[in-house]
Protein backbone atom coordinates (compact mmCIF):
# COMPACT_ATOMS: atom_id res chain seq x y z
CA MET A 1 0.24 -0.45 0.03
CA THR A 2 1.25 3.14 -0.87
CA THR A 3 1.87 5.86 1.75
CA VAL A 4 0.24 9.33 0.75
CA HIS A 5 2.22 12.03 2.37
CA LYS A 6 0.52 15.34 3.08
CA PRO A 7 2.12 18.67 2.57
CA GLN A 8 2.71 21.10 5.33
CA ILE A 9 -0.17 22.91 6.98
CA LYS A 10 0.61 26.96 7.27
CA VAL A 11 -0.33 28.50 11.24
CA PRO A 12 -0.35 32.40 11.74
CA ALA A 13 2.09 32.83 14.15
CA THR A 14 4.86 35.11 15.83
CA TYR A 15 7.95 34.53 17.09
CA MET A 16 8.62 36.74 19.94
CA ARG A 17 11.24 37.37 22.41
CA GLY A 18 9.97 38.43 26.12
CA GLY A 19 12.37 38.96 28.89
CA THR A 20 15.03 36.15 28.93
CA SER A 21 12.79 33.96 27.02
CA LYS A 22 11.76 33.25 23.53
CA GLY A 23 8.28 31.61 22.00
CA VAL A 24 6.01 31.01 19.32
CA PHE A 25 2.99 32.99 19.79
CA PHE A 26 -0.34 32.30 18.51
CA ASN A 27 -3.69 34.11 18.06
CA LEU A 28 -6.49 31.07 19.52
CA THR A 29 -8.87 31.77 16.31
CA ASP A 30 -5.84 31.02 14.28
CA LEU A 31 -5.14 27.70 15.39
CA PRO A 32 -6.62 24.80 13.40
CA GLU A 33 -9.94 23.78 14.84
CA SER A 34 -9.46 20.94 16.31
CA CYS A 35 -6.63 22.71 18.53
CA GLN A 36 -8.82 25.75 19.59
CA GLN A 37 -9.35 23.54 23.01
CA ALA A 38 -7.37 21.66 25.25
CA GLY A 39 -6.18 18.09 24.23
CA SER A 40 -3.82 16.11 22.24
CA ALA A 41 -4.29 17.72 19.29
CA ARG A 42 -3.20 21.19 20.33
CA ASP A 43 -0.45 19.45 21.94
CA GLU A 44 0.83 17.33 19.07
CA LEU A 45 0.75 20.71 17.12
CA LEU A 46 2.84 22.64 19.45
CA LEU A 47 5.27 19.77 20.13
CA ARG A 48 5.70 19.58 16.35
CA VAL A 49 5.78 23.54 15.93
CA ILE A 50 8.85 23.46 18.60
CA GLY A 51 10.73 20.23 17.20
CA SER A 52 9.85 17.81 20.01
CA PRO A 53 10.57 15.12 21.34
CA ASP A 54 13.84 15.06 20.14
CA PRO A 55 16.29 12.95 21.49
CA TYR A 56 19.40 14.46 20.36
CA GLY A 57 18.51 17.41 22.25
CA LYS A 58 18.52 20.10 19.79
CA GLN A 59 15.50 21.05 18.33
CA THR A 60 16.88 21.10 14.75
CA ASP A 61 13.28 20.39 13.09
CA GLY A 62 11.12 23.00 14.48
CA MET A 63 11.58 26.59 16.16
CA GLY A 64 12.54 25.65 19.75
CA GLY A 65 15.94 26.60 20.89
CA ALA A 66 17.12 23.71 22.84
CA THR A 67 16.57 25.28 26.50
CA SER A 68 13.93 25.60 28.65
CA SER A 69 13.86 29.68 27.90
CA THR A 70 13.29 28.95 24.10
CA SER A 71 11.30 26.14 24.27
CA LYS A 72 7.41 27.97 24.71
CA THR A 73 4.38 28.55 23.40
CA VAL A 74 1.67 31.33 23.86
CA ILE A 75 -1.90 31.03 22.94
CA LEU A 76 -3.89 34.71 23.18
CA ALA A 77 -7.60 35.11 22.82
CA GLN A 78 -9.86 38.00 23.51
CA SER A 79 -10.83 37.88 27.32
CA THR A 80 -13.73 36.50 28.54
CA GLN A 81 -13.46 37.75 32.52
CA THR A 82 -14.51 40.69 33.12
CA ASP A 83 -12.28 44.12 33.02
CA HIS A 84 -9.48 42.12 31.38
CA ASP A 85 -8.51 42.70 27.78
CA VAL A 86 -6.56 39.08 26.82
CA ASP A 87 -6.52 35.57 27.96
CA TYR A 88 -2.84 34.11 27.94
CA LEU A 89 -2.22 30.83 28.23
CA PHE A 90 1.40 29.14 28.32
CA GLY A 91 2.60 25.94 27.21
CA GLN A 92 6.13 24.90 28.27
CA VAL A 93 7.19 22.29 25.82
CA ALA A 94 9.37 19.49 26.95
CA ILE A 95 12.90 18.63 24.84
CA ASP A 96 13.08 15.38 25.00
CA LYS A 97 9.88 14.42 25.32
CA ALA A 98 6.22 14.40 24.06
CA PHE A 99 4.94 16.23 27.03
CA VAL A 100 3.44 19.73 26.89
CA ASP A 101 3.36 21.25 30.67
CA TRP A 102 0.76 23.90 31.51
CA SER A 103 0.73 23.81 34.89
CA GLY A 104 2.25 27.37 35.30
CA ASN A 105 2.80 30.55 33.79
CA CYS A 106 6.16 32.17 31.96
CA GLY A 107 6.69 35.55 33.90
CA ASN A 108 9.45 36.56 31.16
CA LEU A 109 6.97 36.00 28.05
CA THR A 110 4.25 38.11 30.09
CA ALA A 111 6.24 40.84 28.71
CA ALA A 112 5.53 40.20 25.12
CA VAL A 113 2.08 39.24 25.49
CA GLY A 114 0.95 43.19 25.72
CA SER A 115 2.44 43.75 22.76
CA PHE A 116 1.44 40.91 21.03
CA ALA A 117 -2.38 41.40 22.09
CA ILE A 118 -2.21 45.08 20.59
CA SER A 119 -0.80 44.43 17.53
CA SER A 120 -3.20 41.61 16.64
CA GLY A 121 -6.32 43.70 17.19
CA LEU A 122 -7.14 41.78 20.74
CA VAL A 123 -6.95 45.11 22.84
CA SER A 124 -9.73 47.51 22.12
CA ALA A 125 -8.75 50.37 20.09
CA ASP A 126 -10.17 53.03 22.60
CA ARG A 127 -7.69 51.93 25.40
CA ILE A 128 -4.89 52.09 23.02
CA PRO A 129 -3.21 55.71 23.11
CA ASP A 130 -1.15 57.31 20.14
CA ASN A 131 1.35 57.82 22.23
CA GLY A 132 2.11 57.17 26.17
CA ILE A 133 1.52 53.94 27.85
CA CYS A 134 -1.16 51.23 27.43
CA GLU A 135 -2.06 49.35 30.20
CA VAL A 136 -3.04 45.61 28.74
CA ARG A 137 -5.06 43.85 31.44
CA ILE A 138 -3.73 40.05 31.37
CA TRP A 139 -6.02 37.12 32.60
CA GLN A 140 -3.48 34.03 32.72
CA LYS A 141 -5.31 30.86 32.12
CA ASN A 142 -2.86 28.94 33.50
CA ILE A 143 -3.04 29.90 37.23
CA SER A 144 -6.08 32.25 37.06
CA LYS A 145 -3.92 35.29 38.05
CA THR A 146 -4.37 39.01 36.64
CA ILE A 147 -0.87 40.41 35.24
CA ILE A 148 -0.71 44.47 33.87
CA ALA A 149 1.59 44.83 31.42
CA HIS A 150 2.64 48.45 30.56
CA VAL A 151 3.65 48.58 26.95
CA PRO A 152 5.35 52.05 25.37
CA MET A 153 3.16 53.39 22.39
CA THR A 154 4.58 55.82 19.84
CA ASN A 155 2.24 57.43 16.88
CA GLY A 156 0.27 54.14 17.60
CA GLU A 157 2.27 51.49 16.95
CA VAL A 158 4.11 49.53 19.96
CA GLN A 159 7.64 50.92 20.51
CA GLU A 160 9.75 47.86 20.73
CA THR A 161 13.07 49.97 20.38
CA GLY A 162 14.79 51.72 23.27
CA ASP A 163 17.64 51.82 25.39
CA PHE A 164 16.44 49.63 28.62
CA GLU A 165 18.78 46.83 29.45
CA LEU A 166 18.14 43.75 30.93
CA ASP A 167 20.85 41.30 32.39
CA GLY A 168 20.17 37.97 29.85
CA VAL A 169 19.54 39.94 26.98
CA THR A 170 22.52 40.94 24.65
CA PHE A 171 20.51 43.99 23.43
CA PRO A 172 18.37 47.26 24.62
CA ALA A 173 14.99 47.72 23.99
CA ALA A 174 12.16 49.36 25.14
CA GLU A 175 10.92 48.84 28.94
CA VAL A 176 8.07 46.97 29.70
CA LYS A 177 6.98 47.10 33.40
CA VAL A 178 5.03 43.83 34.37
CA ASP A 179 2.60 43.95 37.51
CA PHE A 180 1.62 40.84 39.00
CA VAL A 181 -1.57 41.43 40.76
CA ALA A 182 -2.42 39.60 44.21
CA PRO A 183 -0.13 36.65 43.00
CA VAL A 184 -1.35 34.99 46.00
CA ASP A 185 -4.93 35.66 46.80
CA PRO A 186 -5.57 36.10 50.39
CA SER A 187 -7.70 32.79 50.51
CA GLU A 188 -4.72 31.00 49.36
CA ALA A 189 -1.91 29.41 51.49
CA MET A 190 1.24 31.24 50.09
CA PHE A 191 3.18 28.73 52.49
CA PRO A 192 1.76 25.33 51.81
CA THR A 193 3.30 23.85 55.01
CA GLY A 194 2.36 26.85 56.98
CA ASN A 195 5.96 27.61 57.84
CA LEU A 196 8.21 30.39 56.49
CA VAL A 197 11.20 27.61 56.89
CA ASP A 198 10.45 23.76 57.04
CA ASP A 199 13.14 20.93 57.44
CA LEU A 200 12.66 18.81 53.52
CA VAL A 201 13.67 15.36 54.24
CA VAL A 202 14.70 13.82 50.88
CA PRO A 203 15.61 10.29 51.42
CA ASP A 204 19.01 9.17 51.10
CA ILE A 205 19.96 12.52 50.03
CA GLY A 206 19.98 14.92 53.09
CA THR A 207 17.33 17.11 55.52
CA PHE A 208 17.62 20.58 54.26
CA LYS A 209 16.07 24.29 55.19
CA ALA A 210 13.64 25.12 52.94
CA THR A 211 11.13 28.01 52.16
CA MET A 212 8.04 26.75 50.20
CA ILE A 213 6.09 29.56 48.27
CA THR A 214 3.51 29.26 46.06
CA ALA A 215 3.77 33.00 44.34
CA GLY A 216 4.07 33.57 40.87
CA ILE A 217 5.08 29.89 40.51
CA PRO A 218 5.78 27.18 43.36
CA THR A 219 9.06 27.57 44.20
CA ILE A 220 11.28 25.52 46.79
CA PHE A 221 14.24 27.61 47.99
CA LEU A 222 17.27 26.07 49.65
CA ASN A 223 20.46 27.59 51.31
CA ALA A 224 23.37 27.28 48.50
CA GLU A 225 25.67 26.08 51.69
CA GLU A 226 23.59 23.54 52.61
CA ILE A 227 23.88 21.68 49.37
CA GLY A 228 27.46 22.61 48.76
CA TYR A 229 27.42 25.44 46.66
CA THR A 230 28.37 28.80 47.03
CA GLY A 231 25.60 30.66 45.11
CA THR A 232 27.77 32.45 43.02
CA GLU A 233 27.71 29.33 40.53
CA LEU A 234 27.39 29.52 36.80
CA GLN A 235 25.49 27.10 34.09
CA GLU A 236 28.51 24.89 33.39
CA ALA A 237 28.77 24.34 36.99
CA ILE A 238 25.63 22.76 37.46
CA ASN A 239 24.45 21.49 34.23
CA GLY A 240 27.43 19.27 33.34
CA ASP A 241 26.79 17.54 36.54
CA GLU A 242 24.40 14.39 36.00
CA LYS A 243 24.50 13.44 39.55
CA ALA A 244 23.71 17.14 40.68
CA LEU A 245 21.19 17.25 38.51
CA ALA A 246 19.61 14.15 39.55
CA ARG A 247 19.83 15.50 42.96
CA PHE A 248 17.92 18.42 42.62
CA GLU A 249 15.56 16.54 40.61
CA THR A 250 14.77 14.28 43.48
CA ILE A 251 14.75 17.06 45.82
CA ARG A 252 12.34 19.16 43.83
CA ALA A 253 10.04 15.72 43.66
CA TYR A 254 9.94 15.28 47.55
CA GLY A 255 9.23 18.86 48.10
CA ALA A 256 6.08 18.90 45.69
CA VAL A 257 4.85 16.40 47.70
CA LYS A 258 5.59 18.28 50.72
CA MET A 259 3.90 21.10 49.32
CA GLY A 260 1.19 19.56 48.45
CA LEU A 261 1.39 19.55 44.44
CA ILE A 262 1.56 15.62 44.09
CA SER A 263 0.86 13.25 46.02
CA ASP A 264 3.77 10.90 45.22
CA ILE A 265 7.28 11.32 43.69
CA SER A 266 6.58 9.34 40.75
CA GLU A 267 4.40 12.20 39.66
CA ALA A 268 7.08 14.68 39.68
CA ALA A 269 7.88 13.34 35.93
CA SER A 270 5.13 14.30 34.12
CA ARG A 271 4.77 18.03 36.02
CA GLN A 272 8.31 19.38 35.25
CA HIS A 273 7.32 22.99 34.98
CA THR A 274 6.29 23.21 38.70
CA PRO A 275 7.66 23.35 41.41
CA LYS A 276 10.77 25.23 40.75
CA VAL A 277 13.83 24.44 43.00
CA ALA A 278 16.43 27.50 43.65
CA PHE A 279 19.23 28.57 46.45
CA VAL A 280 20.09 31.31 47.58
CA ALA A 281 23.27 32.90 49.25
CA PRO A 282 24.52 36.21 50.93
CA THR A 283 25.85 38.75 48.64
CA GLN A 284 29.21 38.43 47.62
CA ALA A 285 31.44 39.55 44.42
CA TYR A 286 31.11 37.48 41.20
CA THR A 287 31.50 37.70 37.13
CA SER A 288 28.65 36.95 35.10
CA SER A 289 28.39 34.46 32.36
CA SER A 290 28.79 37.67 29.98
CA GLY A 291 32.06 38.14 31.66
CA LYS A 292 30.94 41.34 33.81
CA ASN A 293 32.17 42.24 37.48
CA ILE A 294 29.43 42.56 39.73
CA SER A 295 30.41 43.82 43.12
CA ALA A 296 28.91 42.39 46.43
CA SER A 297 27.36 45.70 46.96
CA GLU A 298 25.51 46.15 43.70
CA ILE A 299 23.12 43.14 45.06
CA ASP A 300 21.58 42.00 48.27
CA LEU A 301 21.95 38.06 47.94
CA HIS A 302 22.43 35.62 45.12
CA VAL A 303 19.79 33.47 43.73
CA ARG A 304 20.26 30.35 41.36
CA ALA A 305 17.20 28.85 39.93
CA LEU A 306 16.60 25.39 37.62
CA SER A 307 14.04 25.02 35.41
CA MET A 308 12.82 22.06 33.18
CA GLY A 309 15.86 20.11 34.94
CA LYS A 310 18.61 22.48 33.99
CA LEU A 311 19.91 25.95 35.84
CA HIS A 312 18.54 28.64 33.86
CA HIS A 313 21.01 31.15 32.28
CA ALA A 314 19.44 33.84 34.21
CA MET A 315 15.92 34.28 36.37
CA MET A 316 12.32 32.77 35.52
CA GLY A 317 10.12 35.57 35.57
CA THR A 318 7.53 33.84 37.44
CA ALA A 319 10.42 32.66 39.70
CA ALA A 320 11.22 36.51 40.48
CA VAL A 321 7.96 37.12 41.89
CA ALA A 322 8.46 34.22 44.51
CA ILE A 323 11.72 35.69 45.28
CA GLY A 324 10.35 39.35 45.59
CA THR A 325 7.84 37.97 47.83
CA ALA A 326 9.95 35.98 49.67
CA ALA A 327 11.99 38.66 50.52
CA ALA A 328 9.96 40.87 51.79
CA ILE A 329 8.61 38.63 54.31
CA PRO A 330 10.84 38.43 57.59
CA GLY A 331 12.33 34.69 58.18
CA THR A 332 11.93 32.95 55.02
CA LEU A 333 15.45 31.63 53.71
CA VAL A 334 15.36 34.37 50.99
CA ASN A 335 15.04 37.05 53.13
CA LEU A 336 17.72 35.87 55.68
CA ALA A 337 20.42 35.83 52.93
CA ALA A 338 19.22 39.58 52.01
CA GLY A 339 20.13 40.36 55.50
CA SER A 340 16.65 40.09 57.23
CA GLY A 341 14.42 42.68 58.17
CA GLU A 342 11.53 44.16 56.38
CA ARG A 343 12.08 45.37 52.78
CA SER A 344 9.85 46.62 49.70
CA ALA A 345 12.68 45.96 46.61
CA VAL A 346 15.52 43.26 46.70
CA THR A 347 17.95 43.07 43.94
CA PHE A 348 19.24 39.72 43.05
CA GLY A 349 22.46 38.21 41.36
CA HIS A 350 21.61 35.60 38.82
CA PRO A 351 23.97 33.91 36.08
CA SER A 352 23.30 36.79 33.54
CA GLY A 353 23.72 39.51 36.33
CA THR A 354 21.38 41.31 38.15
CA LEU A 355 17.83 42.15 38.41
CA LYS A 356 15.50 44.21 41.17
CA VAL A 357 11.93 43.20 42.17
CA GLY A 358 9.33 45.11 44.41
CA ALA A 359 6.71 43.04 46.15
CA GLN A 360 4.13 44.74 48.78
CA ALA A 361 3.38 42.07 51.15
CA GLU A 362 1.29 42.06 54.32
CA CYS A 363 0.40 39.98 57.25
CA ILE A 364 -3.40 39.66 57.78
CA SER A 365 -4.68 37.72 60.89
CA GLY A 366 -1.63 35.50 61.33
CA ASN A 367 -1.79 35.06 56.99
CA TRP A 368 0.76 36.40 54.42
CA THR A 369 -0.12 37.99 51.26
CA VAL A 370 0.82 40.10 48.85
CA LYS A 371 -0.91 42.92 46.98
CA LYS A 372 1.48 43.39 43.79
CA VAL A 373 4.71 42.53 42.47
CA SER A 374 6.26 44.48 40.00
CA MET A 375 9.52 44.12 37.58
CA SER A 376 10.98 45.87 34.29
CA ARG A 377 11.26 43.83 31.49
CA SER A 378 11.67 44.11 27.19
CA ALA A 379 9.77 42.43 24.45
CA ARG A 380 10.37 42.49 20.69
CA VAL A 381 9.11 40.73 17.56
CA LEU A 382 11.77 38.49 16.24
CA MET A 383 9.57 37.04 13.22
CA GLU A 384 5.97 36.99 12.24
CA GLY A 385 4.08 35.48 9.38
CA TRP A 386 2.96 31.47 9.19
CA VAL A 387 4.80 28.70 10.72
CA ARG A 388 4.60 25.35 8.87
CA VAL A 389 3.81 22.02 10.38
CA PRO A 390 3.97 18.66 9.16
CA VAL A 391 0.98 16.37 9.33
CA SER A 392 0.50 12.87 9.87
CA SER A 393 0.65 10.78 6.60
CA GLU A 394 -2.11 8.10 5.80
């Protein structure tokens, strides 16, 4: 029987950088009809767009860049929520597995959501100034939270060029301020265990002090010194150490159980995007991955975080929300590493440089909550048109 090979399909798409990440952006209504709702058809399309699963780990036959920061997809639609402009759905695509993780948000790509929404006609024209700042009200569907992106406008178009520099991004661009509004509802447990610091028991590995927080994205913070690091490590110090990566994944799995995200460590393999695991250390001088010398006085602490099983080259935006929130709460490991005390903003060192994040946290009836976490990112369109996707043969 002769196999009939169908031609590729063309799907309108935009390739964008947001913060220190890149992803393929889609308007929901541009997707094939079978992919306009959650399910295997949508996942299969996005996997093929990105080039996964790839046993070579390169994503050569797709749009992915073979790192967690560049293996991302975004689907936007006019918002179904009152007082919001756009619904934002994020899919983190695994590199070597046939798996799209929908369990969390991408804070970095959030910076690009506002400009894509404006350019795609998803924001009402009467809300877009010809010049000034357009406040795009984003409903983050993965986690059911509100985010406000402050997008600069010039002569009726999104302003992408500028002189704002973001460590981890080579070239300057226009600044986009992003507000994560009430990333933890008062009805939710910011600290799922009820403690600012826990003893996390990891069989055959050890017991570690840990701050486990759900703000921005569920995150497990450890002390660098307790796990044998200084906190100034760059990617090559960890990503080339398979034993270390396996240990971090085991710690992450047991932390996920303790946070109530999964019921058994075996479930962690199918929940790679969340929780994140990170480690903190007091401020000290170091040299970033670009060769930039950063003095101890420029930062309040060091934070290194892993994403999808690898040390991140900079910092995930959602993890920065967790860092800013935890830093504002006296007694957490993040706060202690930053010198303790009350603070409304923190500047931390990461492999690519530094990042400042502000947080408004308060304790109500013994429970901590956070009103808003803010940071500045940048974004721009890299390419737009159609992405071509092979379909199954008959």
